[in-house]
Protein backbone atom coordinates (compact mmCIF):
# COMPACT_ATOMS: atom_id res chain seq x y z
CA UNK A 1 -33.40 15.69 -37.36
CA UNK A 2 -31.84 18.77 -35.67
CA UNK A 3 -30.70 21.85 -37.47
CA UNK A 4 -28.33 24.01 -35.36
CA UNK A 5 -27.22 27.46 -36.49
CA UNK A 6 -24.28 29.28 -34.86
CA UNK A 7 -22.83 32.54 -35.53
CA UNK A 8 -19.44 33.06 -35.10
CA UNK A 9 -19.43 34.31 -31.40
CA UNK A 10 -21.83 31.30 -30.54
CA UNK A 11 -19.54 28.90 -32.31
CA UNK A 12 -16.24 30.22 -30.27
CA UNK A 13 -18.24 29.68 -27.19
CA UNK A 14 -18.97 26.23 -27.70
CA UNK A 15 -15.31 25.69 -28.91
CA UNK A 16 -14.04 27.07 -25.79
CA UNK A 17 -16.58 24.95 -23.90
CA UNK A 18 -15.52 21.72 -25.40
CA UNK A 19 -11.83 22.68 -25.08
CA UNK A 20 -12.52 23.28 -21.23
CA UNK A 21 -14.20 19.90 -20.95
CA UNK A 22 -11.34 18.16 -22.56
CA UNK A 23 -8.89 19.96 -20.57
CA UNK A 24 -10.73 18.56 -17.29
CA UNK A 25 -10.83 14.98 -18.52
CA UNK A 26 -7.15 15.28 -19.80
CA UNK A 27 -5.99 16.31 -16.14
CA UNK A 28 -8.22 13.63 -14.50
CA UNK A 29 -6.62 11.03 -16.60
CA UNK A 30 -3.34 12.26 -16.13
CA UNK A 31 -3.75 12.43 -12.21
CA UNK A 32 -4.79 8.78 -12.38
CA UNK A 33 -2.03 7.88 -14.43
CA UNK A 34 0.52 9.50 -12.09
CA UNK A 35 -0.97 7.90 -8.98
CA UNK A 36 -0.97 4.56 -10.56
CA UNK A 37 2.50 4.94 -11.50
CA UNK A 38 3.54 5.95 -8.20
CA UNK A 39 1.94 2.89 -6.68
CA UNK A 40 3.60 0.62 -9.31
CA UNK A 41 6.96 2.10 -8.84
CA UNK A 42 6.74 1.50 -5.04
CA UNK A 43 5.74 -2.27 -5.62
CA UNK A 44 8.61 -2.53 -8.41
CA UNK A 45 11.05 -0.84 -5.85
CA UNK A 46 10.27 -3.47 -3.14
CA UNK A 47 10.99 -6.23 -5.68
CA UNK A 48 8.43 -8.49 -7.01
CA UNK A 49 9.20 -11.51 -5.08
CA UNK A 50 9.55 -11.73 -1.42
CA UNK A 51 11.38 -15.14 -0.55
CA UNK A 52 14.03 -14.40 2.00
CA UNK A 53 15.00 -12.39 5.22
CA UNK A 54 17.19 -10.27 2.68
CA UNK A 55 14.06 -9.55 0.68
CA UNK A 56 12.25 -8.42 3.84
CA UNK A 57 15.10 -6.13 4.72
CA UNK A 58 15.41 -4.51 1.24
CA UNK A 59 11.49 -4.16 1.14
CA UNK A 60 11.38 -2.00 4.38
CA UNK A 61 14.78 -0.21 3.43
CA UNK A 62 12.97 0.87 0.22
CA UNK A 63 10.24 2.69 2.47
CA UNK A 64 13.32 4.48 4.48
CA UNK A 65 13.01 2.05 7.41
CA UNK A 66 16.43 0.41 9.00
CA UNK A 67 15.58 -3.27 9.99
CA UNK A 68 17.69 -5.20 12.52
CA UNK A 69 18.23 -8.22 10.16
CA UNK A 70 18.89 -10.57 13.24
CA UNK A 71 15.40 -10.19 14.24
CA UNK A 72 13.73 -11.03 11.06
CA UNK A 73 11.17 -14.01 11.81
CA UNK A 74 8.47 -15.52 9.50
CA UNK A 75 5.36 -17.29 10.58
CA UNK A 76 2.17 -18.53 8.92
CA UNK A 77 -0.94 -16.95 9.56
CA UNK A 78 -4.60 -17.41 8.14
CA UNK A 79 -6.62 -14.41 6.92
CA UNK A 80 -10.02 -14.86 8.32
CA UNK A 81 -12.85 -15.75 5.57
CA UNK A 82 -15.49 -13.91 7.61
CA UNK A 83 -14.49 -10.54 9.01
CA UNK A 84 -15.73 -8.88 12.15
CA UNK A 85 -15.59 -4.97 12.77
CA UNK A 86 -12.09 -5.41 14.26
CA UNK A 87 -10.52 -7.19 11.31
CA UNK A 88 -12.18 -4.72 8.88
CA UNK A 89 -10.56 -1.94 10.83
CA UNK A 90 -7.31 -3.76 10.87
CA UNK A 91 -7.65 -3.95 6.95
CA UNK A 92 -8.14 -0.33 6.87
CA UNK A 93 -4.73 0.04 8.67
CA UNK A 94 -3.31 -2.28 5.99
CA UNK A 95 -5.06 -0.17 3.25
CA UNK A 96 -3.14 3.06 4.39
CA UNK A 97 -0.08 1.15 3.07
CA UNK A 98 -1.53 0.76 -0.16
CA UNK A 99 -2.44 -2.63 -0.10
CA UNK A 100 -5.68 -4.60 0.75
CA UNK A 101 -6.38 -7.99 2.21
CA UNK A 102 -9.97 -8.48 0.76
CA UNK A 103 -8.85 -10.66 -2.07
CA UNK A 104 -7.13 -12.94 0.15
CA UNK A 105 -10.02 -14.00 2.67
CA UNK A 106 -9.37 -17.64 4.09
CA UNK A 107 -5.91 -17.72 2.55
CA UNK A 108 -2.72 -18.68 4.67
CA UNK A 109 -0.01 -16.15 4.18
CA UNK A 110 3.48 -15.58 5.60
CA UNK A 111 3.84 -12.95 8.09
CA UNK A 112 7.32 -11.43 8.34
CA UNK A 113 8.37 -9.25 11.26
CA UNK A 114 11.54 -7.40 11.91
CA UNK A 115 12.54 -4.91 14.58
CA UNK A 116 12.78 -1.34 13.49
CA UNK A 117 15.36 0.12 16.13
CA UNK A 118 15.21 3.81 14.60
CA UNK A 119 11.56 3.66 15.06
CA UNK A 120 11.50 2.06 18.52
CA UNK A 121 11.45 4.21 21.87
CA UNK A 122 12.55 3.13 25.33
CA UNK A 123 9.11 1.70 26.50
CA UNK A 124 8.00 0.41 23.20
CA UNK A 125 9.67 -1.70 20.47
CA UNK A 126 8.39 -1.20 16.81
CA UNK A 127 8.17 -3.84 14.30
CA UNK A 128 7.59 -3.72 10.56
CA UNK A 129 5.10 -6.68 9.47
CA UNK A 130 4.83 -7.74 5.90
CA UNK A 131 2.34 -10.05 4.87
CA UNK A 132 3.31 -12.22 1.86
CA UNK A 133 1.13 -14.50 -0.37
CA UNK A 134 2.89 -16.51 -3.09
CA UNK A 135 6.03 -14.27 -3.01
CA UNK A 136 4.06 -11.10 -3.28
CA UNK A 137 3.72 -8.54 -0.41
CA UNK A 138 -0.18 -8.10 0.01
CA UNK A 139 -0.12 -6.18 3.42
CA UNK A 140 2.12 -4.15 5.43
CA UNK A 141 1.90 -2.48 8.94
CA UNK A 142 3.77 -1.22 12.00
CA UNK A 143 3.36 -2.87 15.43
CA UNK A 144 4.48 -1.75 18.70
CA UNK A 145 5.07 -3.92 21.77
CA UNK A 146 6.52 -3.43 25.16
CA UNK A 147 10.23 -4.91 25.33
CA UNK A 148 10.46 -8.32 26.54
CA UNK A 149 11.33 -8.38 30.15
CA UNK A 150 14.38 -10.01 31.20
CA UNK A 151 14.16 -12.88 33.73
CA UNK A 152 15.32 -11.89 37.23
């Protein structure tokens, strides 16, 4: 059993200390809540289901990227079950978009690509790539390629 006796000044110091700790904890929780809400808001803004080229266009437009609708194409790709260093680095790029491919190892996903004319430069064409699994966006990145050469 412990007995603590405090004078009025000591009690005030303990109270101020407890109040400061509570303020720090509350600030941290508020920061997590706000950042979580912004990620959820971005996901909600993109629409929960990605099913068509229109959904792809809407998704990229939600991030301020204009899409050439005529260039939207879909493909199927498999995310490797075992990752080497280069695929881990690729996932790092995807993580910059707030998404992560770790849960989708070994899964076949849809890979949607669309030309982003405003981002493209004369010597490179920029494409937005969106990876979709079960109608849900799981990864996004930008891809730059040289323009397709025309046959002579």
